C-alpha atoms as a PDB file:
ATOM      1  CA  MET A   1     -32.628  -2.451  32.478  1.00  0.00           C
ATOM      2  CA  ALA A   2     -31.394  -4.998  29.960  1.00  0.00           C
ATOM      3  CA  THR A   3     -27.675  -5.506  29.616  1.00  0.00           C
ATOM      4  CA  VAL A   4     -26.207  -5.301  26.122  1.00  0.00           C
ATOM      5  CA  VAL A   5     -23.435  -7.822  25.528  1.00  0.00           C
ATOM      6  CA  ALA A   6     -21.025  -7.192  22.672  1.00  0.00           C
ATOM      7  CA  PRO A   7     -20.822 -10.071  20.211  1.00  0.00           C
ATOM      8  CA  ARG A   8     -17.798 -12.298  20.684  1.00  0.00           C
ATOM      9  CA  LEU A   9     -15.445 -13.218  17.916  1.00  0.00           C
ATOM     10  CA  SER A  10     -15.590 -16.838  16.823  1.00  0.00           C
ATOM     11  CA  ARG A  11     -12.666 -19.075  17.609  1.00  0.00           C
ATOM     12  CA  THR A  12     -11.565 -19.032  13.957  1.00  0.00           C
ATOM     13  CA  ALA A  13     -11.778 -15.242  13.814  1.00  0.00           C
ATOM     14  CA  ARG A  14      -9.737 -14.848  16.991  1.00  0.00           C
ATOM     15  CA  TRP A  15      -6.992 -17.090  15.626  1.00  0.00           C
ATOM     16  CA  ALA A  16      -7.096 -15.209  12.316  1.00  0.00           C
ATOM     17  CA  TRP A  17      -6.546 -11.911  14.114  1.00  0.00           C
ATOM     18  CA  ILE A  18      -3.802 -13.372  16.294  1.00  0.00           C
ATOM     19  CA  GLY A  19      -1.996 -14.991  13.372  1.00  0.00           C
ATOM     20  CA  SER A  20      -2.330 -11.910  11.180  1.00  0.00           C
ATOM     21  CA  SER A  21      -1.120  -9.653  13.980  1.00  0.00           C
ATOM     22  CA  ILE A  22       1.968 -11.830  14.430  1.00  0.00           C
ATOM     23  CA  GLY A  23       2.534 -11.915  10.654  1.00  0.00           C
ATOM     24  CA  SER A  24       2.118  -8.157  10.414  1.00  0.00           C
ATOM     25  CA  ALA A  25       4.527  -7.596  13.306  1.00  0.00           C
ATOM     26  CA  LEU A  26       7.141  -9.834  11.651  1.00  0.00           C
ATOM     27  CA  ALA A  27       6.688  -7.994   8.357  1.00  0.00           C
ATOM     28  CA  TRP A  28       7.096  -4.658  10.145  1.00  0.00           C
ATOM     29  CA  PHE A  29      10.289  -5.913  11.786  1.00  0.00           C
ATOM     30  CA  LEU A  30      11.718  -7.096   8.463  1.00  0.00           C
ATOM     31  CA  THR A  31      10.707  -3.827   6.821  1.00  0.00           C
ATOM     32  CA  TRP A  32      12.414  -1.875   9.601  1.00  0.00           C
ATOM     33  CA  ALA A  33      15.579  -3.947   9.232  1.00  0.00           C
ATOM     34  CA  LEU A  34      15.571  -3.507   5.452  1.00  0.00           C
ATOM     35  CA  SER A  35      14.951   0.232   5.755  1.00  0.00           C
ATOM     36  CA  ARG A  36      18.028   0.524   7.987  1.00  0.00           C
ATOM     37  CA  SER A  37      20.183  -1.513   5.612  1.00  0.00           C
ATOM     38  CA  MET A  38      19.044   0.623   2.652  1.00  0.00           C
ATOM     39  CA  ALA A  39      19.111   3.944   4.490  1.00  0.00           C
ATOM     40  CA  GLY A  40      21.980   5.388   2.472  1.00  0.00           C
ATOM     41  CA  GLY A  41      21.782   7.184  -0.826  1.00  0.00           C
ATOM     42  CA  MET A  42      23.518   9.379  -3.360  1.00  0.00           C
ATOM     43  CA  ASP A  43      23.560  13.173  -3.042  1.00  0.00           C
ATOM     44  CA  MET A  44      22.217  14.595  -6.293  1.00  0.00           C
ATOM     45  CA  PRO A  45      22.232  18.019  -7.991  1.00  0.00           C
ATOM     46  CA  GLY A  46      19.170  19.911  -6.841  1.00  0.00           C
ATOM     47  CA  GLY A  47      19.738  19.207  -3.160  1.00  0.00           C
ATOM     48  CA  TRP A  48      18.092  15.800  -2.833  1.00  0.00           C
ATOM     49  CA  THR A  49      19.264  12.265  -2.109  1.00  0.00           C
ATOM     50  CA  MET A  50      18.526   9.301  -4.361  1.00  0.00           C
ATOM     51  CA  SER A  51      17.545   6.194  -2.409  1.00  0.00           C
ATOM     52  CA  MET A  52      19.669   3.068  -2.764  1.00  0.00           C
ATOM     53  CA  MET A  53      16.440   1.257  -3.695  1.00  0.00           C
ATOM     54  CA  TRP A  54      16.748   2.664  -7.229  1.00  0.00           C
ATOM     55  CA  MET A  55      20.426   1.741  -7.690  1.00  0.00           C
ATOM     56  CA  PRO A  56      21.689  -1.822  -8.371  1.00  0.00           C
ATOM     57  CA  MET A  57      24.527  -2.809  -6.056  1.00  0.00           C
ATOM     58  CA  GLY A  58      27.998  -3.535  -7.421  1.00  0.00           C
ATOM     59  CA  GLY A  59      27.925  -6.565  -9.723  1.00  0.00           C
ATOM     60  CA  GLN A  60      24.139  -6.830  -9.484  1.00  0.00           C
ATOM     61  CA  SER A  61      22.118  -7.249 -12.668  1.00  0.00           C
ATOM     62  CA  GLU A  62      18.995  -5.235 -13.428  1.00  0.00           C
ATOM     63  CA  TRP A  63      16.844  -8.361 -12.987  1.00  0.00           C
ATOM     64  CA  SER A  64      18.309  -9.222  -9.596  1.00  0.00           C
ATOM     65  CA  ALA A  65      17.936  -5.595  -8.470  1.00  0.00           C
ATOM     66  CA  ALA A  66      14.288  -5.627  -9.558  1.00  0.00           C
ATOM     67  CA  THR A  67      13.711  -8.927  -7.767  1.00  0.00           C
ATOM     68  CA  MET A  68      15.227  -7.557  -4.560  1.00  0.00           C
ATOM     69  CA  PHE A  69      13.087  -4.428  -4.804  1.00  0.00           C
ATOM     70  CA  LEU A  70       9.905  -6.461  -5.302  1.00  0.00           C
ATOM     71  CA  ALA A  71      10.744  -8.715  -2.340  1.00  0.00           C
ATOM     72  CA  MET A  72      11.222  -5.632  -0.142  1.00  0.00           C
ATOM     73  CA  TRP A  73       8.074  -4.045  -1.588  1.00  0.00           C
ATOM     74  CA  GLU A  74       5.919  -7.090  -0.890  1.00  0.00           C
ATOM     75  CA  CYS A  75       7.220  -7.324   2.669  1.00  0.00           C
ATOM     76  CA  MET A  76       6.339  -3.651   3.121  1.00  0.00           C
ATOM     77  CA  MET A  77       2.852  -4.220   1.665  1.00  0.00           C
ATOM     78  CA  VAL A  78       2.170  -7.096   4.060  1.00  0.00           C
ATOM     79  CA  ALA A  79       3.257  -4.888   6.953  1.00  0.00           C
ATOM     80  CA  MET A  80       1.175  -1.908   5.851  1.00  0.00           C
ATOM     81  CA  MET A  81      -1.953  -3.587   4.465  1.00  0.00           C
ATOM     82  CA  LEU A  82      -2.530  -6.953   6.144  1.00  0.00           C
ATOM     83  CA  LEU A  83      -4.520  -5.898   9.194  1.00  0.00           C
ATOM     84  CA  SER A  84      -6.637  -3.315   7.352  1.00  0.00           C
ATOM     85  CA  ALA A  85      -7.490  -5.905   4.645  1.00  0.00           C
ATOM     86  CA  LEU A  86      -8.047  -8.792   7.056  1.00  0.00           C
ATOM     87  CA  PRO A  87     -11.823  -8.181   7.468  1.00  0.00           C
ATOM     88  CA  VAL A  88     -12.291  -8.908   3.751  1.00  0.00           C
ATOM     89  CA  PHE A  89     -10.279 -12.132   3.957  1.00  0.00           C
ATOM     90  CA  MET A  90     -12.347 -13.212   6.951  1.00  0.00           C
ATOM     91  CA  LEU A  91     -15.587 -12.277   5.166  1.00  0.00           C
ATOM     92  CA  VAL A  92     -14.735 -14.578   2.262  1.00  0.00           C
ATOM     93  CA  GLN A  93     -13.721 -17.331   4.670  1.00  0.00           C
ATOM     94  CA  GLY A  94     -17.069 -16.936   6.434  1.00  0.00           C
ATOM     95  CA  VAL A  95     -18.979 -17.198   3.145  1.00  0.00           C
ATOM     96  CA  ALA A  96     -16.960 -20.295   2.247  1.00  0.00           C
ATOM     97  CA  ARG A  97     -17.752 -21.909   5.590  1.00  0.00           C
ATOM     98  CA  GLN A  98     -21.475 -21.190   5.246  1.00  0.00           C
ATOM     99  CA  THR A  99     -21.513 -22.807   1.792  1.00  0.00           C
ATOM    100  CA  GLY A 100     -19.742 -25.933   3.034  1.00  0.00           C
ATOM    101  CA  GLN A 101     -16.332 -25.149   1.532  1.00  0.00           C
ATOM    102  CA  PRO A 102     -13.091 -26.219   3.254  1.00  0.00           C
ATOM    103  CA  HIS A 103     -10.914 -23.950   5.380  1.00  0.00           C
ATOM    104  CA  GLY A 104      -8.182 -21.872   3.766  1.00  0.00           C
ATOM    105  CA  PHE A 105     -10.208 -19.750   1.356  1.00  0.00           C
ATOM    106  CA  GLY A 106      -9.160 -16.612   3.225  1.00  0.00           C
ATOM    107  CA  ILE A 107      -5.522 -17.493   2.480  1.00  0.00           C
ATOM    108  CA  TRP A 108      -6.261 -17.727  -1.250  1.00  0.00           C
ATOM    109  CA  VAL A 109      -7.962 -14.332  -1.115  1.00  0.00           C
ATOM    110  CA  GLY A 110      -4.900 -12.898   0.634  1.00  0.00           C
ATOM    111  CA  LEU A 111      -2.582 -14.333  -2.021  1.00  0.00           C
ATOM    112  CA  GLY A 112      -4.625 -12.750  -4.806  1.00  0.00           C
ATOM    113  CA  TYR A 113      -4.742  -9.451  -2.928  1.00  0.00           C
ATOM    114  CA  PHE A 114      -0.985  -9.214  -2.467  1.00  0.00           C
ATOM    115  CA  VAL A 115      -0.266 -10.313  -6.052  1.00  0.00           C
ATOM    116  CA  SER A 116      -2.178  -7.207  -7.102  1.00  0.00           C
ATOM    117  CA  TRP A 117       0.101  -5.066  -4.934  1.00  0.00           C
ATOM    118  CA  LEU A 118       3.148  -6.905  -6.299  1.00  0.00           C
ATOM    119  CA  LEU A 119       2.207  -5.953  -9.860  1.00  0.00           C
ATOM    120  CA  PHE A 120       1.781  -2.351  -8.759  1.00  0.00           C
ATOM    121  CA  GLY A 121       5.232  -2.564  -7.179  1.00  0.00           C
ATOM    122  CA  ALA A 122       6.680  -3.663 -10.532  1.00  0.00           C
ATOM    123  CA  ILE A 123       5.250  -0.511 -12.132  1.00  0.00           C
ATOM    124  CA  VAL A 124       6.656   1.614  -9.301  1.00  0.00           C
ATOM    125  CA  TYR A 125      10.117   0.117  -9.754  1.00  0.00           C
ATOM    126  CA  ALA A 126      10.075   0.546 -13.530  1.00  0.00           C
ATOM    127  CA  VAL A 127       9.129   4.234 -13.289  1.00  0.00           C
ATOM    128  CA  GLY A 128      11.543   4.909 -10.424  1.00  0.00           C
ATOM    129  CA  ARG A 129      14.419   3.143 -12.147  1.00  0.00           C
ATOM    130  CA  VAL A 130      13.896   5.032 -15.415  1.00  0.00           C
ATOM    131  CA  PHE A 131      13.873   8.334 -13.540  1.00  0.00           C
ATOM    132  CA  ALA A 132      16.971   7.369 -11.543  1.00  0.00           C
ATOM    133  CA  VAL A 133      18.912   6.549 -14.711  1.00  0.00           C
ATOM    134  CA  GLN A 134      17.903   9.822 -16.344  1.00  0.00           C
ATOM    135  CA  ALA A 135      18.716  11.836 -13.207  1.00  0.00           C
ATOM    136  CA  MET A 136      22.212  10.322 -13.068  1.00  0.00           C
ATOM    137  CA  ARG A 137      22.715  10.934 -16.784  1.00  0.00           C
ATOM    138  CA  TRP A 138      21.326  14.460 -17.076  1.00  0.00           C
ATOM    139  CA  ARG A 139      22.008  17.143 -14.459  1.00  0.00           C
ATOM    140  CA  GLN A 140      18.938  19.144 -15.445  1.00  0.00           C
ATOM    141  CA  VAL A 141      16.628  16.189 -14.747  1.00  0.00           C
ATOM    142  CA  SER A 142      18.164  15.862 -11.290  1.00  0.00           C
ATOM    143  CA  GLU A 143      17.694  19.562 -10.605  1.00  0.00           C
ATOM    144  CA  TRP A 144      14.013  19.240 -11.504  1.00  0.00           C
ATOM    145  CA  ALA A 145      13.480  16.475  -8.931  1.00  0.00           C
ATOM    146  CA  PRO A 146      12.343  18.663  -5.977  1.00  0.00           C
ATOM    147  CA  ALA A 147       9.753  20.425  -8.132  1.00  0.00           C
ATOM    148  CA  LEU A 148       8.625  17.107  -9.614  1.00  0.00           C
ATOM    149  CA  THR A 149       8.245  15.757  -6.083  1.00  0.00           C
ATOM    150  CA  GLY A 150       5.948  18.655  -5.283  1.00  0.00           C
ATOM    151  CA  ALA A 151       3.985  18.097  -8.490  1.00  0.00           C
ATOM    152  CA  ALA A 152       3.544  14.417  -7.619  1.00  0.00           C
ATOM    153  CA  MET A 153       2.219  15.389  -4.181  1.00  0.00           C
ATOM    154  CA  VAL A 154      -0.229  17.848  -5.731  1.00  0.00           C
ATOM    155  CA  ALA A 155      -1.429  15.187  -8.187  1.00  0.00           C
ATOM    156  CA  ALA A 156      -1.793  12.646  -5.376  1.00  0.00           C
ATOM    157  CA  GLY A 157      -3.705  15.132  -3.248  1.00  0.00           C
ATOM    158  CA  MET A 158      -6.054  16.047  -6.089  1.00  0.00           C
ATOM    159  CA  TYR A 159      -6.826  12.371  -6.683  1.00  0.00           C
ATOM    160  CA  GLN A 160      -7.819  12.070  -3.012  1.00  0.00           C
ATOM    161  CA  LEU A 161     -10.596  14.591  -3.743  1.00  0.00           C
ATOM    162  CA  THR A 162     -12.059  12.834  -6.802  1.00  0.00           C
ATOM    163  CA  SER A 163     -15.156  10.683  -7.152  1.00  0.00           C
ATOM    164  CA  TRP A 164     -12.885   7.788  -8.225  1.00  0.00           C
ATOM    165  CA  LYS A 165     -11.207   7.825  -4.834  1.00  0.00           C
ATOM    166  CA  VAL A 166     -14.589   7.953  -3.099  1.00  0.00           C
ATOM    167  CA  ALA A 167     -15.902   4.997  -5.112  1.00  0.00           C
ATOM    168  CA  CYS A 168     -12.831   2.853  -4.454  1.00  0.00           C
ATOM    169  CA  LEU A 169     -12.828   3.757  -0.774  1.00  0.00           C
ATOM    170  CA  LYS A 170     -16.514   2.822  -0.462  1.00  0.00           C
ATOM    171  CA  HIS A 171     -15.660  -0.570  -1.953  1.00  0.00           C
ATOM    172  CA  CYS A 172     -12.839  -1.086   0.553  1.00  0.00           C
ATOM    173  CA  ARG A 173     -15.018   0.018   3.470  1.00  0.00           C
ATOM    174  CA  SER A 174     -18.095  -2.051   2.476  1.00  0.00           C
ATOM    175  CA  PRO A 175     -16.977  -5.095   0.470  1.00  0.00           C
ATOM    176  CA  LEU A 176     -20.003  -7.300   1.249  1.00  0.00           C
ATOM    177  CA  PHE A 177     -21.809  -6.723  -2.077  1.00  0.00           C
ATOM    178  CA  PHE A 178     -18.552  -7.143  -3.981  1.00  0.00           C
ATOM    179  CA  VAL A 179     -17.872 -10.505  -2.309  1.00  0.00           C
ATOM    180  CA  ALA A 180     -21.457 -11.637  -2.942  1.00  0.00           C
ATOM    181  CA  GLU A 181     -21.162 -10.735  -6.639  1.00  0.00           C
ATOM    182  CA  HIS A 182     -17.696 -12.162  -7.285  1.00  0.00           C
ATOM    183  CA  TRP A 183     -17.721 -15.180  -4.967  1.00  0.00           C
ATOM    184  CA  ARG A 184     -16.778 -18.447  -6.701  1.00  0.00           C
ATOM    185  CA  PRO A 185     -16.640 -21.700  -4.657  1.00  0.00           C
ATOM    186  CA  SER A 186     -13.096 -22.745  -5.528  1.00  0.00           C
ATOM    187  CA  PRO A 187      -9.539 -21.799  -4.526  1.00  0.00           C
ATOM    188  CA  CYS A 188      -9.054 -20.226  -7.961  1.00  0.00           C
ATOM    189  CA  GLY A 189     -12.256 -18.230  -7.491  1.00  0.00           C
ATOM    190  CA  ALA A 190     -11.097 -17.068  -4.065  1.00  0.00           C
ATOM    191  CA  PHE A 191      -7.755 -16.015  -5.569  1.00  0.00           C
ATOM    192  CA  ARG A 192      -9.559 -14.043  -8.284  1.00  0.00           C
ATOM    193  CA  THR A 193     -11.767 -12.397  -5.663  1.00  0.00           C
ATOM    194  CA  GLY A 194      -8.679 -11.344  -3.709  1.00  0.00           C
ATOM    195  CA  PHE A 195      -6.952 -10.092  -6.847  1.00  0.00           C
ATOM    196  CA  HIS A 196     -10.025  -8.086  -7.858  1.00  0.00           C
ATOM    197  CA  HIS A 197     -10.303  -6.599  -4.384  1.00  0.00           C
ATOM    198  CA  GLY A 198      -6.576  -5.834  -4.447  1.00  0.00           C
ATOM    199  CA  ASN A 199      -7.054  -3.881  -7.677  1.00  0.00           C
ATOM    200  CA  TYR A 200      -9.666  -1.732  -5.954  1.00  0.00           C
ATOM    201  CA  CYS A 201      -7.323  -1.250  -3.003  1.00  0.00           C
ATOM    202  CA  VAL A 202      -4.488  -0.192  -5.315  1.00  0.00           C
ATOM    203  CA  ALA A 203      -6.854   2.255  -7.042  1.00  0.00           C
ATOM    204  CA  CYS A 204      -7.847   3.582  -3.614  1.00  0.00           C
ATOM    205  CA  CYS A 205      -4.347   3.889  -2.142  1.00  0.00           C
ATOM    206  CA  TRP A 206      -1.953   4.497  -5.048  1.00  0.00           C
ATOM    207  CA  ALA A 207      -1.866   8.235  -4.391  1.00  0.00           C
ATOM    208  CA  LEU A 208      -0.796   7.735  -0.782  1.00  0.00           C
ATOM    209  CA  MET A 209       1.860   5.257  -1.896  1.00  0.00           C
ATOM    210  CA  LEU A 210       3.056   7.800  -4.483  1.00  0.00           C
ATOM    211  CA  ILE A 211       3.579  10.297  -1.666  1.00  0.00           C
ATOM    212  CA  GLN A 212       5.686   7.732   0.165  1.00  0.00           C
ATOM    213  CA  CYS A 213       7.723   6.918  -2.948  1.00  0.00           C
ATOM    214  CA  VAL A 214       8.609  10.534  -3.728  1.00  0.00           C
ATOM    215  CA  LEU A 215       9.285  11.599  -0.125  1.00  0.00           C
ATOM    216  CA  GLY A 216      11.267   8.521   0.953  1.00  0.00           C
ATOM    217  CA  ILE A 217      10.340   5.018  -0.087  1.00  0.00           C
ATOM    218  CA  MET A 218      12.429   3.429   2.686  1.00  0.00           C
ATOM    219  CA  SER A 219      11.615   5.981   5.392  1.00  0.00           C
ATOM    220  CA  PHE A 220      10.242   3.862   8.229  1.00  0.00           C
ATOM    221  CA  PRO A 221       8.426   6.745  10.028  1.00  0.00           C
ATOM    222  CA  LEU A 222       6.779   7.670   6.725  1.00  0.00           C
ATOM    223  CA  MET A 223       5.692   4.043   6.210  1.00  0.00           C
ATOM    224  CA  LEU A 224       4.053   4.066   9.635  1.00  0.00           C
ATOM    225  CA  ALA A 225       2.298   7.364   8.907  1.00  0.00           C
ATOM    226  CA  ILE A 226       0.970   6.208   5.507  1.00  0.00           C
ATOM    227  CA  ALA A 227      -0.112   2.812   6.904  1.00  0.00           C
ATOM    228  CA  THR A 228      -1.959   4.552   9.750  1.00  0.00           C
ATOM    229  CA  LEU A 229      -3.669   6.895   7.290  1.00  0.00           C
ATOM    230  CA  ILE A 230      -4.730   3.996   5.028  1.00  0.00           C
ATOM    231  CA  ALA A 231      -6.142   2.078   7.995  1.00  0.00           C
ATOM    232  CA  ALA A 232      -7.981   5.185   9.215  1.00  0.00           C
ATOM    233  CA  GLU A 233      -9.550   5.742   5.794  1.00  0.00           C
ATOM    234  CA  LYS A 234     -10.740   2.133   5.607  1.00  0.00           C
ATOM    235  CA  LEU A 235     -11.770   1.395   9.174  1.00  0.00           C
ATOM    236  CA  LEU A 236     -12.782   4.585  11.007  1.00  0.00           C
ATOM    237  CA  PRO A 237     -16.352   5.952  10.782  1.00  0.00           C
ATOM    238  CA  ARG A 238     -15.346   9.166   8.932  1.00  0.00           C
ATOM    239  CA  GLY A 239     -12.958   7.592   6.451  1.00  0.00           C
ATOM    240  CA  GLU A 240     -14.047   9.769   3.517  1.00  0.00           C
ATOM    241  CA  THR A 241     -13.433  12.925   5.552  1.00  0.00           C
ATOM    242  CA  ILE A 242      -9.977  11.667   6.508  1.00  0.00           C
ATOM    243  CA  ALA A 243      -9.184  11.010   2.840  1.00  0.00           C
ATOM    244  CA  THR A 244     -10.290  14.515   1.902  1.00  0.00           C
ATOM    245  CA  ALA A 245      -8.206  16.096   4.661  1.00  0.00           C
ATOM    246  CA  ALA A 246      -5.152  14.110   3.561  1.00  0.00           C
ATOM    247  CA  GLY A 247      -5.711  15.254  -0.020  1.00  0.00           C
ATOM    248  CA  VAL A 248      -5.937  18.931   0.916  1.00  0.00           C
ATOM    249  CA  ALA A 249      -2.795  18.664   3.043  1.00  0.00           C
ATOM    250  CA  SER A 250      -0.905  16.964   0.204  1.00  0.00           C
ATOM    251  CA  VAL A 251      -1.925  19.659  -2.296  1.00  0.00           C
ATOM    252  CA  ILE A 252      -0.797  22.441   0.064  1.00  0.00           C
ATOM    253  CA  LEU A 253       2.518  20.801   0.966  1.00  0.00           C
ATOM    254  CA  GLY A 254       3.195  19.768  -2.624  1.00  0.00           C
ATOM    255  CA  GLY A 255       2.488  23.277  -3.867  1.00  0.00           C
ATOM    256  CA  GLY A 256       4.871  24.670  -1.279  1.00  0.00           C
ATOM    257  CA  ARG A 257       7.566  22.255  -2.421  1.00  0.00           C
ATOM    258  CA  MET A 258       7.053  23.165  -6.068  1.00  0.00           C
ATOM    259  CA  LEU A 259       7.531  26.836  -5.190  1.00  0.00           C
ATOM    260  CA  GLY A 260      10.620  26.082  -3.108  1.00  0.00           C
ATOM    261  CA  TRP A 261       9.041  27.019   0.202  1.00  0.00           C
ATOM    262  CA  LEU A 262       9.521  23.531   1.708  1.00  0.00           C
END
């Protein structure tokens, strides 16, 4: 009987996985350290705690607070997304190598990808900061926060069940046709490919990130859970089923929180 031998990774691919694993581990360590340093918060009317992430430190300007948030956000994104997005970076690098392009195209794709997540982080901070200011100014807004958290979870869960989520997830799971269509043989083209792919990834995962933001943006166990769920959706054979199950669970838990049961 013939013996089936699993294909071996190329030397470049092995080093890419090793380097990315080390980079991801470092990002996770920094994220863990930052989550511990920002673990405190302010007890608010309504029985919830506002994270320090939404409050400038003493003597800190709004711009410096936003910059610090975005630095922490990007570190968290590298930790949570790098390994699940690595196959796309390697795919582009492989196409570049086959067309006689120099090494490093995968890095340009990665830069474009994480710039997309950085822009999403800017939107997250703007919305969170506006809500934090209003909650500290108006008691009623603060008292609505638990119910609004539940509503956000319901909205996130419902998005997980839509055709938009399915389409974006299919793109993330099978990016070959996307890379073939958008490939441009230049560093700028690789950056644009990564940015475009990052936009799809944001569209696929924003609901899960919303759940993290409303339940505890600097909760390290929650980061691990959301990162594991994102990787499972993208990489496991039944990713669409996993996304649906996560959506149903979010709707149920969010509804319970809105009604004050959780």
